[in-house]
PDB file of N, CA and C in Angstrom:
ATOM      1  N   UNK A   1       0.840  -1.171   0.000  1.00  0.00           N
ATOM      2  CA  UNK A   1       0.000   0.000   0.000  1.00  0.00           C
ATOM      3  C   UNK A   1       0.891   1.243   0.000  1.00  0.00           C
ATOM      4  N   UNK A   2       0.576   2.200  -0.859  1.00  0.00           N
ATOM      5  CA  UNK A   2       1.330   3.440  -0.916  1.00  0.00           C
ATOM      6  C   UNK A   2       0.604   4.527  -0.147  1.00  0.00           C
ATOM      7  N   UNK A   3       1.351   5.281   0.610  1.00  0.00           N
ATOM      8  CA  UNK A   3       0.777   6.367   1.392  1.00  0.00           C
ATOM      9  C   UNK A   3       1.191   7.690   0.768  1.00  0.00           C
ATOM     10  N   UNK A   4       0.312   8.661   0.865  1.00  0.00           N
ATOM     11  CA  UNK A   4       0.635  10.009   0.433  1.00  0.00           C
ATOM     12  C   UNK A   4       0.587  10.911   1.656  1.00  0.00           C
ATOM     13  N   UNK A   5       1.488  11.864   1.689  1.00  0.00           N
ATOM     14  CA  UNK A   5       1.560  12.812   2.795  1.00  0.00           C
ATOM     15  C   UNK A   5       1.420  14.221   2.248  1.00  0.00           C
ATOM     16  N   UNK A   6       0.972  15.124   3.086  1.00  0.00           N
ATOM     17  CA  UNK A   6       0.905  16.520   2.656  1.00  0.00           C
ATOM     18  C   UNK A   6       2.305  17.057   2.392  1.00  0.00           C
ATOM     19  N   UNK A   7       3.178  16.880   3.366  1.00  0.00           N
ATOM     20  CA  UNK A   7       4.559  17.358   3.245  1.00  0.00           C
ATOM     21  C   UNK A   7       5.495  16.233   3.671  1.00  0.00           C
ATOM     22  N   UNK A   8       6.553  16.035   2.905  1.00  0.00           N
ATOM     23  CA  UNK A   8       7.584  15.057   3.257  1.00  0.00           C
ATOM     24  C   UNK A   8       8.854  15.826   3.598  1.00  0.00           C
ATOM     25  N   UNK A   9       9.456  15.496   4.732  1.00  0.00           N
ATOM     26  CA  UNK A   9      10.681  16.154   5.188  1.00  0.00           C
ATOM     27  C   UNK A   9      11.771  15.099   5.333  1.00  0.00           C
ATOM     28  N   UNK A  10      12.929  15.359   4.754  1.00  0.00           N
ATOM     29  CA  UNK A  10      14.085  14.492   4.968  1.00  0.00           C
ATOM     30  C   UNK A  10      15.220  15.350   5.518  1.00  0.00           C
ATOM     31  N   UNK A  11      16.005  14.780   6.406  1.00  0.00           N
ATOM     32  CA  UNK A  11      17.115  15.509   7.006  1.00  0.00           C
ATOM     33  C   UNK A  11      18.357  14.633   7.011  1.00  0.00           C
ATOM     34  N   UNK A  12      19.422  15.177   6.487  1.00  0.00           N
ATOM     35  CA  UNK A  12      20.724  14.504   6.469  1.00  0.00           C
ATOM     36  C   UNK A  12      20.673  13.163   5.741  1.00  0.00           C
ATOM     37  N   UNK A  13      19.912  13.075   4.669  1.00  0.00           N
ATOM     38  CA  UNK A  13      19.768  11.821   3.929  1.00  0.00           C
ATOM     39  C   UNK A  13      20.392  11.926   2.543  1.00  0.00           C
ATOM     40  N   UNK A  14      20.262  13.067   1.901  1.00  0.00           N
ATOM     41  CA  UNK A  14      20.623  13.203   0.494  1.00  0.00           C
ATOM     42  C   UNK A  14      22.071  12.795   0.204  1.00  0.00           C
ATOM     43  N   UNK A  15      22.992  13.127   1.094  1.00  0.00           N
ATOM     44  CA  UNK A  15      24.398  12.797   0.831  1.00  0.00           C
ATOM     45  C   UNK A  15      24.683  11.300   0.976  1.00  0.00           C
ATOM     46  N   UNK A  16      23.738  10.536   1.505  1.00  0.00           N
ATOM     47  CA  UNK A  16      23.899   9.085   1.604  1.00  0.00           C
ATOM     48  C   UNK A  16      23.361   8.361   0.374  1.00  0.00           C
ATOM     49  N   UNK A  17      22.654   9.077  -0.496  1.00  0.00           N
ATOM     50  CA  UNK A  17      22.077   8.478  -1.692  1.00  0.00           C
ATOM     51  C   UNK A  17      23.132   8.451  -2.795  1.00  0.00           C
ATOM     52  N   UNK A  18      23.272   7.294  -3.413  1.00  0.00           N
ATOM     53  CA  UNK A  18      24.197   7.138  -4.532  1.00  0.00           C
ATOM     54  C   UNK A  18      23.795   8.101  -5.651  1.00  0.00           C
ATOM     55  N   UNK A  19      24.755   8.804  -6.275  1.00  0.00           N
ATOM     56  CA  UNK A  19      24.405   9.753  -7.341  1.00  0.00           C
ATOM     57  C   UNK A  19      23.580   9.136  -8.466  1.00  0.00           C
ATOM     58  N   UNK A  20      23.774   7.855  -8.745  1.00  0.00           N
ATOM     59  CA  UNK A  20      23.017   7.195  -9.802  1.00  0.00           C
ATOM     60  C   UNK A  20      21.577   6.916  -9.387  1.00  0.00           C
ATOM     61  N   UNK A  21      21.298   6.934  -8.094  1.00  0.00           N
ATOM     62  CA  UNK A  21      19.944   6.680  -7.589  1.00  0.00           C
ATOM     63  C   UNK A  21      19.234   7.953  -7.133  1.00  0.00           C
ATOM     64  N   UNK A  22      19.909   9.075  -7.253  1.00  0.00           N
ATOM     65  CA  UNK A  22      19.371  10.335  -6.760  1.00  0.00           C
ATOM     66  C   UNK A  22      18.072  10.721  -7.464  1.00  0.00           C
ATOM     67  N   UNK A  23      18.016  10.587  -8.768  1.00  0.00           N
ATOM     68  CA  UNK A  23      16.802  10.942  -9.514  1.00  0.00           C
ATOM     69  C   UNK A  23      15.611  10.110  -9.067  1.00  0.00           C
ATOM     70  N   UNK A  24      15.811   8.804  -8.935  1.00  0.00           N
ATOM     71  CA  UNK A  24      14.714   7.921  -8.515  1.00  0.00           C
ATOM     72  C   UNK A  24      14.249   8.263  -7.100  1.00  0.00           C
ATOM     73  N   UNK A  25      15.188   8.586  -6.227  1.00  0.00           N
ATOM     74  CA  UNK A  25      14.843   8.944  -4.851  1.00  0.00           C
ATOM     75  C   UNK A  25      14.001  10.220  -4.818  1.00  0.00           C
ATOM     76  N   UNK A  26      14.453  11.247  -5.537  1.00  0.00           N
ATOM     77  CA  UNK A  26      13.717  12.516  -5.556  1.00  0.00           C
ATOM     78  C   UNK A  26      12.349  12.353  -6.207  1.00  0.00           C
ATOM     79  N   UNK A  27      12.275  11.573  -7.281  1.00  0.00           N
ATOM     80  CA  UNK A  27      10.996  11.325  -7.948  1.00  0.00           C
ATOM     81  C   UNK A  27      10.018  10.648  -6.975  1.00  0.00           C
ATOM     82  N   UNK A  28      10.505   9.691  -6.191  1.00  0.00           N
ATOM     83  CA  UNK A  28       9.645   9.001  -5.217  1.00  0.00           C
ATOM     84  C   UNK A  28       9.133   9.973  -4.157  1.00  0.00           C
ATOM     85  N   UNK A  29       9.983  10.875  -3.696  1.00  0.00           N
ATOM     86  CA  UNK A  29       9.549  11.853  -2.700  1.00  0.00           C
ATOM     87  C   UNK A  29       8.441  12.733  -3.257  1.00  0.00           C
ATOM     88  N   UNK A  30       8.649  13.246  -4.456  1.00  0.00           N
ATOM     89  CA  UNK A  30       7.677  14.152  -5.062  1.00  0.00           C
ATOM     90  C   UNK A  30       6.374  13.418  -5.380  1.00  0.00           C
ATOM     91  N   UNK A  31       6.476  12.168  -5.788  1.00  0.00           N
ATOM     92  CA  UNK A  31       5.284  11.380  -6.106  1.00  0.00           C
ATOM     93  C   UNK A  31       4.393  11.182  -4.891  1.00  0.00           C
ATOM     94  N   UNK A  32       5.000  11.055  -3.720  1.00  0.00           N
ATOM     95  CA  UNK A  32       4.231  10.755  -2.516  1.00  0.00           C
ATOM     96  C   UNK A  32       3.847  11.988  -1.704  1.00  0.00           C
ATOM     97  N   UNK A  33       4.269  13.165  -2.139  1.00  0.00           N
ATOM     98  CA  UNK A  33       3.934  14.401  -1.420  1.00  0.00           C
ATOM     99  C   UNK A  33       2.811  15.134  -2.142  1.00  0.00           C
ATOM    100  N   UNK A  34       1.824  15.553  -1.386  1.00  0.00           N
ATOM    101  CA  UNK A  34       0.709  16.309  -1.981  1.00  0.00           C
ATOM    102  C   UNK A  34       1.072  17.786  -2.181  1.00  0.00           C
ATOM    103  N   UNK A  35       1.789  18.362  -1.221  1.00  0.00           N
ATOM    104  CA  UNK A  35       2.030  19.801  -1.241  1.00  0.00           C
ATOM    105  C   UNK A  35       3.492  20.164  -1.492  1.00  0.00           C
ATOM    106  N   UNK A  36       4.395  19.550  -0.722  1.00  0.00           N
ATOM    107  CA  UNK A  36       5.803  19.938  -0.835  1.00  0.00           C
ATOM    108  C   UNK A  36       6.717  18.869  -0.264  1.00  0.00           C
ATOM    109  N   UNK A  37       7.971  18.958  -0.671  1.00  0.00           N
ATOM    110  CA  UNK A  37       9.048  18.141  -0.104  1.00  0.00           C
ATOM    111  C   UNK A  37      10.081  19.120   0.428  1.00  0.00           C
ATOM    112  N   UNK A  38      10.515  18.913   1.656  1.00  0.00           N
ATOM    113  CA  UNK A  38      11.546  19.750   2.251  1.00  0.00           C
ATOM    114  C   UNK A  38      12.736  18.858   2.560  1.00  0.00           C
ATOM    115  N   UNK A  39      13.883  19.222   2.000  1.00  0.00           N
ATOM    116  CA  UNK A  39      15.098  18.432   2.174  1.00  0.00           C
ATOM    117  C   UNK A  39      16.122  19.294   2.899  1.00  0.00           C
ATOM    118  N   UNK A  40      16.652  18.788   3.981  1.00  0.00           N
ATOM    119  CA  UNK A  40      17.726  19.457   4.704  1.00  0.00           C
ATOM    120  C   UNK A  40      18.966  18.584   4.586  1.00  0.00           C
ATOM    121  N   UNK A  41      20.042  19.173   4.118  1.00  0.00           N
ATOM    122  CA  UNK A  41      21.281  18.415   4.010  1.00  0.00           C
ATOM    123  C   UNK A  41      22.454  19.371   4.175  1.00  0.00           C
ATOM    124  N   UNK A  42      23.635  18.831   4.154  1.00  0.00           N
ATOM    125  CA  UNK A  42      24.841  19.618   4.363  1.00  0.00           C
ATOM    126  C   UNK A  42      25.245  20.374   3.106  1.00  0.00           C
ATOM    127  N   UNK A  43      25.924  21.488   3.307  1.00  0.00           N
ATOM    128  CA  UNK A  43      26.510  22.244   2.211  1.00  0.00           C
ATOM    129  C   UNK A  43      27.958  21.778   2.068  1.00  0.00           C
ATOM    130  N   UNK A  44      28.348  21.426   0.859  1.00  0.00           N
ATOM    131  CA  UNK A  44      29.744  21.054   0.643  1.00  0.00           C
ATOM    132  C   UNK A  44      30.542  22.318   0.355  1.00  0.00           C
ATOM    133  N   UNK A  45      31.449  22.613   1.263  1.00  0.00           N
ATOM    134  CA  UNK A  45      32.346  23.760   1.095  1.00  0.00           C
ATOM    135  C   UNK A  45      33.569  23.530   1.973  1.00  0.00           C
ATOM    136  N   UNK A  46      34.608  24.244   1.678  1.00  0.00           N
ATOM    137  CA  UNK A  46      35.818  24.134   2.508  1.00  0.00           C
ATOM    138  C   UNK A  46      35.527  24.580   3.934  1.00  0.00           C
ATOM    139  N   UNK A  47      34.765  25.666   4.048  1.00  0.00           N
ATOM    140  CA  UNK A  47      34.449  26.189   5.379  1.00  0.00           C
ATOM    141  C   UNK A  47      33.674  25.159   6.193  1.00  0.00           C
ATOM    142  N   UNK A  48      32.687  24.514   5.573  1.00  0.00           N
ATOM    143  CA  UNK A  48      31.901  23.500   6.282  1.00  0.00           C
ATOM    144  C   UNK A  48      32.784  22.316   6.672  1.00  0.00           C
ATOM    145  N   UNK A  49      33.655  21.904   5.757  1.00  0.00           N
ATOM    146  CA  UNK A  49      34.531  20.772   6.038  1.00  0.00           C
ATOM    147  C   UNK A  49      35.439  21.066   7.232  1.00  0.00           C
ATOM    148  N   UNK A  50      36.114  22.220   7.213  1.00  0.00           N
ATOM    149  CA  UNK A  50      37.025  22.553   8.310  1.00  0.00           C
ATOM    150  C   UNK A  50      36.283  22.802   9.619  1.00  0.00           C
ATOM    151  N   UNK A  51      35.081  23.370   9.511  1.00  0.00           N
ATOM    152  CA  UNK A  51      34.249  23.581  10.694  1.00  0.00           C
ATOM    153  C   UNK A  51      33.940  22.237  11.366  1.00  0.00           C
ATOM    154  N   UNK A  52      33.556  21.251  10.562  1.00  0.00           N
ATOM    155  CA  UNK A  52      33.219  19.928  11.099  1.00  0.00           C
ATOM    156  C   UNK A  52      34.481  19.187  11.535  1.00  0.00           C
ATOM    157  N   UNK A  53      35.518  19.246  10.724  1.00  0.00           N
ATOM    158  CA  UNK A  53      36.748  18.503  11.002  1.00  0.00           C
ATOM    159  C   UNK A  53      37.411  18.967  12.300  1.00  0.00           C
ATOM    160  N   UNK A  54      37.489  20.281  12.480  1.00  0.00           N
ATOM    161  CA  UNK A  54      38.229  20.786  13.637  1.00  0.00           C
ATOM    162  C   UNK A  54      37.331  21.296  14.765  1.00  0.00           C
ATOM    163  N   UNK A  55      36.068  21.582  14.485  1.00  0.00           N
ATOM    164  CA  UNK A  55      35.167  22.058  15.521  1.00  0.00           C
ATOM    165  C   UNK A  55      34.446  20.945  16.254  1.00  0.00           C
ATOM    166  N   UNK A  56      34.205  19.829  15.550  1.00  0.00           N
ATOM    167  CA  UNK A  56      33.458  18.724  16.152  1.00  0.00           C
ATOM    168  C   UNK A  56      34.131  18.127  17.389  1.00  0.00           C
ATOM    169  N   UNK A  57      35.457  18.012  17.429  1.00  0.00           N
ATOM    170  CA  UNK A  57      36.084  17.477  18.649  1.00  0.00           C
ATOM    171  C   UNK A  57      35.794  18.298  19.907  1.00  0.00           C
ATOM    172  N   UNK A  58      35.465  19.591  19.747  1.00  0.00           N
ATOM    173  CA  UNK A  58      35.122  20.416  20.902  1.00  0.00           C
ATOM    174  C   UNK A  58      33.675  20.205  21.339  1.00  0.00           C
ATOM    175  N   UNK A  59      32.854  19.656  20.414  1.00  0.00           N
ATOM    176  CA  UNK A  59      31.435  19.470  20.692  1.00  0.00           C
ATOM    177  C   UNK A  59      31.129  18.062  21.193  1.00  0.00           C
ATOM    178  N   UNK A  60      31.802  17.062  20.602  1.00  0.00           N
ATOM    179  CA  UNK A  60      31.515  15.676  20.960  1.00  0.00           C
ATOM    180  C   UNK A  60      32.798  14.857  21.008  1.00  0.00           C
ATOM    181  N   UNK A  61      32.752  13.831  21.790  1.00  0.00           N
ATOM    182  CA  UNK A  61      33.871  12.913  21.897  1.00  0.00           C
ATOM    183  C   UNK A  61      33.576  11.609  21.144  1.00  0.00           C
ATOM    184  N   UNK A  62      32.460  11.572  20.454  1.00  0.00           N
ATOM    185  CA  UNK A  62      32.009  10.375  19.751  1.00  0.00           C
ATOM    186  C   UNK A  62      32.877  10.116  18.516  1.00  0.00           C
ATOM    187  N   UNK A  63      33.562   8.969  18.444  1.00  0.00           N
ATOM    188  CA  UNK A  63      34.443   8.700  17.304  1.00  0.00           C
ATOM    189  C   UNK A  63      33.687   8.550  15.984  1.00  0.00           C
ATOM    190  N   UNK A  64      32.455   8.082  16.032  1.00  0.00           N
ATOM    191  CA  UNK A  64      31.677   7.931  14.797  1.00  0.00           C
ATOM    192  C   UNK A  64      31.351   9.307  14.215  1.00  0.00           C
ATOM    193  N   UNK A  65      30.949  10.236  15.049  1.00  0.00           N
ATOM    194  CA  UNK A  65      30.657  11.595  14.571  1.00  0.00           C
ATOM    195  C   UNK A  65      31.906  12.256  14.008  1.00  0.00           C
ATOM    196  N   UNK A  66      33.023  12.041  14.657  1.00  0.00           N
ATOM    197  CA  UNK A  66      34.273  12.644  14.180  1.00  0.00           C
ATOM    198  C   UNK A  66      34.683  12.094  12.821  1.00  0.00           C
ATOM    199  N   UNK A  67      34.401  10.835  12.579  1.00  0.00           N
ATOM    200  CA  UNK A  67      34.738  10.223  11.288  1.00  0.00           C
ATOM    201  C   UNK A  67      33.682  10.545  10.242  1.00  0.00           C
ATOM    202  N   UNK A  68      32.409  10.416  10.599  1.00  0.00           N
ATOM    203  CA  UNK A  68      31.326  10.579   9.629  1.00  0.00           C
ATOM    204  C   UNK A  68      31.080  12.038   9.271  1.00  0.00           C
ATOM    205  N   UNK A  69      31.304  12.953  10.182  1.00  0.00           N
ATOM    206  CA  UNK A  69      31.026  14.369   9.914  1.00  0.00           C
ATOM    207  C   UNK A  69      31.764  14.912   8.702  1.00  0.00           C
ATOM    208  N   UNK A  70      33.094  14.870   8.699  1.00  0.00           N
ATOM    209  CA  UNK A  70      33.825  15.369   7.530  1.00  0.00           C
ATOM    210  C   UNK A  70      33.510  14.586   6.249  1.00  0.00           C
ATOM    211  N   UNK A  71      33.336  13.285   6.374  1.00  0.00           N
ATOM    212  CA  UNK A  71      33.000  12.464   5.211  1.00  0.00           C
ATOM    213  C   UNK A  71      31.643  12.863   4.634  1.00  0.00           C
ATOM    214  N   UNK A  72      30.686  13.150   5.499  1.00  0.00           N
ATOM    215  CA  UNK A  72      29.356  13.565   5.045  1.00  0.00           C
ATOM    216  C   UNK A  72      29.419  14.893   4.296  1.00  0.00           C
ATOM    217  N   UNK A  73      30.229  15.828   4.780  1.00  0.00           N
ATOM    218  CA  UNK A  73      30.378  17.106   4.083  1.00  0.00           C
ATOM    219  C   UNK A  73      30.986  16.879   2.701  1.00  0.00           C
ATOM    220  N   UNK A  74      31.977  16.018   2.611  1.00  0.00           N
ATOM    221  CA  UNK A  74      32.602  15.736   1.314  1.00  0.00           C
ATOM    222  C   UNK A  74      31.640  15.054   0.349  1.00  0.00           C
ATOM    223  N   UNK A  75      30.732  14.240   0.858  1.00  0.00           N
ATOM    224  CA  UNK A  75      29.785  13.512   0.007  1.00  0.00           C
ATOM    225  C   UNK A  75      28.542  14.320  -0.343  1.00  0.00           C
ATOM    226  N   UNK A  76      28.354  15.463   0.302  1.00  0.00           N
ATOM    227  CA  UNK A  76      27.154  16.247   0.036  1.00  0.00           C
ATOM    228  C   UNK A  76      27.185  16.794  -1.393  1.00  0.00           C
ATOM    229  N   UNK A  77      26.008  17.127  -1.902  1.00  0.00           N
ATOM    230  CA  UNK A  77      25.856  17.590  -3.275  1.00  0.00           C
ATOM    231  C   UNK A  77      25.853  19.115  -3.309  1.00  0.00           C
ATOM    232  N   UNK A  78      26.538  19.671  -4.286  1.00  0.00           N
ATOM    233  CA  UNK A  78      26.499  21.123  -4.451  1.00  0.00           C
ATOM    234  C   UNK A  78      25.211  21.508  -5.173  1.00  0.00           C
ATOM    235  N   UNK A  79      24.861  22.762  -5.064  1.00  0.00           N
ATOM    236  CA  UNK A  79      23.674  23.267  -5.754  1.00  0.00           C
ATOM    237  C   UNK A  79      23.827  23.063  -7.265  1.00  0.00           C
ATOM    238  N   UNK A  80      25.028  23.266  -7.778  1.00  0.00           N
ATOM    239  CA  UNK A  80      25.285  23.110  -9.212  1.00  0.00           C
ATOM    240  C   UNK A  80      25.121  21.662  -9.662  1.00  0.00           C
ATOM    241  N   UNK A  81      25.377  20.719  -8.777  1.00  0.00           N
ATOM    242  CA  UNK A  81      25.168  19.301  -9.107  1.00  0.00           C
ATOM    243  C   UNK A  81      23.696  18.908  -9.048  1.00  0.00           C
ATOM    244  N   UNK A  82      22.948  19.558  -8.168  1.00  0.00           N
ATOM    245  CA  UNK A  82      21.539  19.205  -8.000  1.00  0.00           C
ATOM    246  C   UNK A  82      20.629  19.831  -9.050  1.00  0.00           C
ATOM    247  N   UNK A  83      20.958  21.029  -9.506  1.00  0.00           N
ATOM    248  CA  UNK A  83      20.079  21.718 -10.456  1.00  0.00           C
ATOM    249  C   UNK A  83      19.785  20.904 -11.717  1.00  0.00           C
ATOM    250  N   UNK A  84      20.786  20.285 -12.378  1.00  0.00           N
ATOM    251  CA  UNK A  84      20.455  19.483 -13.573  1.00  0.00           C
ATOM    252  C   UNK A  84      19.564  18.281 -13.258  1.00  0.00           C
ATOM    253  N   UNK A  85      19.700  17.727 -12.067  1.00  0.00           N
ATOM    254  CA  UNK A  85      18.854  16.593 -11.680  1.00  0.00           C
ATOM    255  C   UNK A  85      17.402  17.049 -11.588  1.00  0.00           C
ATOM    256  N   UNK A  86      17.165  18.191 -10.946  1.00  0.00           N
ATOM    257  CA  UNK A  86      15.806  18.709 -10.838  1.00  0.00           C
ATOM    258  C   UNK A  86      15.250  19.086 -12.206  1.00  0.00           C
ATOM    259  N   UNK A  87      16.099  19.661 -13.077  1.00  0.00           N
ATOM    260  CA  UNK A  87      15.640  20.003 -14.432  1.00  0.00           C
ATOM    261  C   UNK A  87      15.269  18.754 -15.219  1.00  0.00           C
ATOM    262  N   UNK A  88      16.081  17.709 -15.106  1.00  0.00           N
ATOM    263  CA  UNK A  88      15.802  16.467 -15.853  1.00  0.00           C
ATOM    264  C   UNK A  88      14.527  15.792 -15.371  1.00  0.00           C
ATOM    265  N   UNK A  89      14.148  16.041 -14.126  1.00  0.00           N
ATOM    266  CA  UNK A  89      12.921  15.475 -13.580  1.00  0.00           C
ATOM    267  C   UNK A  89      11.731  16.412 -13.774  1.00  0.00           C
ATOM    268  N   UNK A  90      11.941  17.495 -14.502  1.00  0.00           N
ATOM    269  CA  UNK A  90      10.895  18.486 -14.763  1.00  0.00           C
ATOM    270  C   UNK A  90      10.303  19.020 -13.460  1.00  0.00           C
ATOM    271  N   UNK A  91      11.172  19.425 -12.559  1.00  0.00           N
ATOM    272  CA  UNK A  91      10.755  20.009 -11.288  1.00  0.00           C
ATOM    273  C   UNK A  91      11.184  21.474 -11.265  1.00  0.00           C
ATOM    274  N   UNK A  92      10.343  22.364 -11.792  1.00  0.00           N
ATOM    275  CA  UNK A  92      10.743  23.770 -11.860  1.00  0.00           C
ATOM    276  C   UNK A  92      10.567  24.531 -10.553  1.00  0.00           C
ATOM    277  N   UNK A  93       9.737  24.032  -9.656  1.00  0.00           N
ATOM    278  CA  UNK A  93       9.412  24.758  -8.425  1.00  0.00           C
ATOM    279  C   UNK A  93      10.348  24.393  -7.282  1.00  0.00           C
ATOM    280  N   UNK A  94      11.630  24.578  -7.496  1.00  0.00           N
ATOM    281  CA  UNK A  94      12.625  24.229  -6.479  1.00  0.00           C
ATOM    282  C   UNK A  94      13.218  25.509  -5.913  1.00  0.00           C
ATOM    283  N   UNK A  95      13.224  25.603  -4.583  1.00  0.00           N
ATOM    284  CA  UNK A  95      13.774  26.768  -3.888  1.00  0.00           C
ATOM    285  C   UNK A  95      14.944  26.285  -3.034  1.00  0.00           C
ATOM    286  N   UNK A  96      16.076  26.977  -3.133  1.00  0.00           N
ATOM    287  CA  UNK A  96      17.251  26.665  -2.319  1.00  0.00           C
ATOM    288  C   UNK A  96      17.417  27.749  -1.262  1.00  0.00           C
ATOM    289  N   UNK A  97      17.603  27.332  -0.023  1.00  0.00           N
ATOM    290  CA  UNK A  97      17.881  28.259   1.077  1.00  0.00           C
ATOM    291  C   UNK A  97      19.105  27.726   1.812  1.00  0.00           C
ATOM    292  N   UNK A  98      20.151  28.508   1.850  1.00  0.00           N
ATOM    293  CA  UNK A  98      21.361  28.095   2.547  1.00  0.00           C
ATOM    294  C   UNK A  98      21.476  28.802   3.886  1.00  0.00           C
ATOM    295  N   UNK A  99      21.595  28.017   4.940  1.00  0.00           N
ATOM    296  CA  UNK A  99      21.898  28.492   6.286  1.00  0.00           C
ATOM    297  C   UNK A  99      23.056  27.649   6.763  1.00  0.00           C
ATOM    298  N   UNK A 100      24.247  28.218   6.717  1.00  0.00           N
ATOM    299  CA  UNK A 100      25.466  27.478   7.023  1.00  0.00           C
ATOM    300  C   UNK A 100      25.329  26.743   8.346  1.00  0.00           C
ATOM    301  N   UNK A 101      25.715  25.491   8.416  1.00  0.00           N
ATOM    302  CA  UNK A 101      26.290  24.629   7.388  1.00  0.00           C
ATOM    303  C   UNK A 101      25.256  23.749   6.679  1.00  0.00           C
ATOM    304  N   UNK A 102      23.989  24.186   6.644  1.00  0.00           N
ATOM    305  CA  UNK A 102      22.934  23.365   6.034  1.00  0.00           C
ATOM    306  C   UNK A 102      22.332  24.049   4.813  1.00  0.00           C
ATOM    307  N   UNK A 103      21.847  23.216   3.917  1.00  0.00           N
ATOM    308  CA  UNK A 103      21.081  23.683   2.759  1.00  0.00           C
ATOM    309  C   UNK A 103      19.686  23.097   2.863  1.00  0.00           C
ATOM    310  N   UNK A 104      18.701  23.935   2.681  1.00  0.00           N
ATOM    311  CA  UNK A 104      17.313  23.484   2.648  1.00  0.00           C
ATOM    312  C   UNK A 104      16.807  23.595   1.219  1.00  0.00           C
ATOM    313  N   UNK A 105      16.192  22.540   0.753  1.00  0.00           N
ATOM    314  CA  UNK A 105      15.639  22.524  -0.592  1.00  0.00           C
ATOM    315  C   UNK A 105      14.145  22.290  -0.449  1.00  0.00           C
ATOM    316  N   UNK A 106      13.364  23.175  -1.018  1.00  0.00           N
ATOM    317  CA  UNK A 106      11.912  23.059  -0.954  1.00  0.00           C
ATOM    318  C   UNK A 106      11.408  22.813  -2.362  1.00  0.00           C
ATOM    319  N   UNK A 107      10.654  21.743  -2.533  1.00  0.00           N
ATOM    320  CA  UNK A 107      10.072  21.393  -3.821  1.00  0.00           C
ATOM    321  C   UNK A 107       8.566  21.498  -3.679  1.00  0.00           C
ATOM    322  N   UNK A 108       7.962  22.400  -4.404  1.00  0.00           N
ATOM    323  CA  UNK A 108       6.499  22.531  -4.389  1.00  0.00           C
ATOM    324  C   UNK A 108       5.938  21.597  -5.457  1.00  0.00           C
ATOM    325  N   UNK A 109       4.993  20.766  -5.057  1.00  0.00           N
ATOM    326  CA  UNK A 109       4.436  19.810  -6.016  1.00  0.00           C
ATOM    327  C   UNK A 109       3.103  20.298  -6.531  1.00  0.00           C
TER     328      UNK A 109
END
């Protein structure tokens, strides 16, 4: 059974999706959302990488966070990489909002 939701929100997921599966993932989100999809993920930048790499040890002592944090920033998608994917899926209603170190993407369906 397929469920539809008014709004679908994902957080810190996009950088874990294989680039070859990104289109299918986004299409599935939009298909199941009645109103909008809101995606929160990391911004890939040198500043974000160094912030996570050298700032995280002051925030947490967790070895998994220290390893995964910088790797997640490196794996995140840039706006320039995402725009052609949205265009190929015929999704013109995409809004990007950057609040360091996160990017919010809003897709109106």
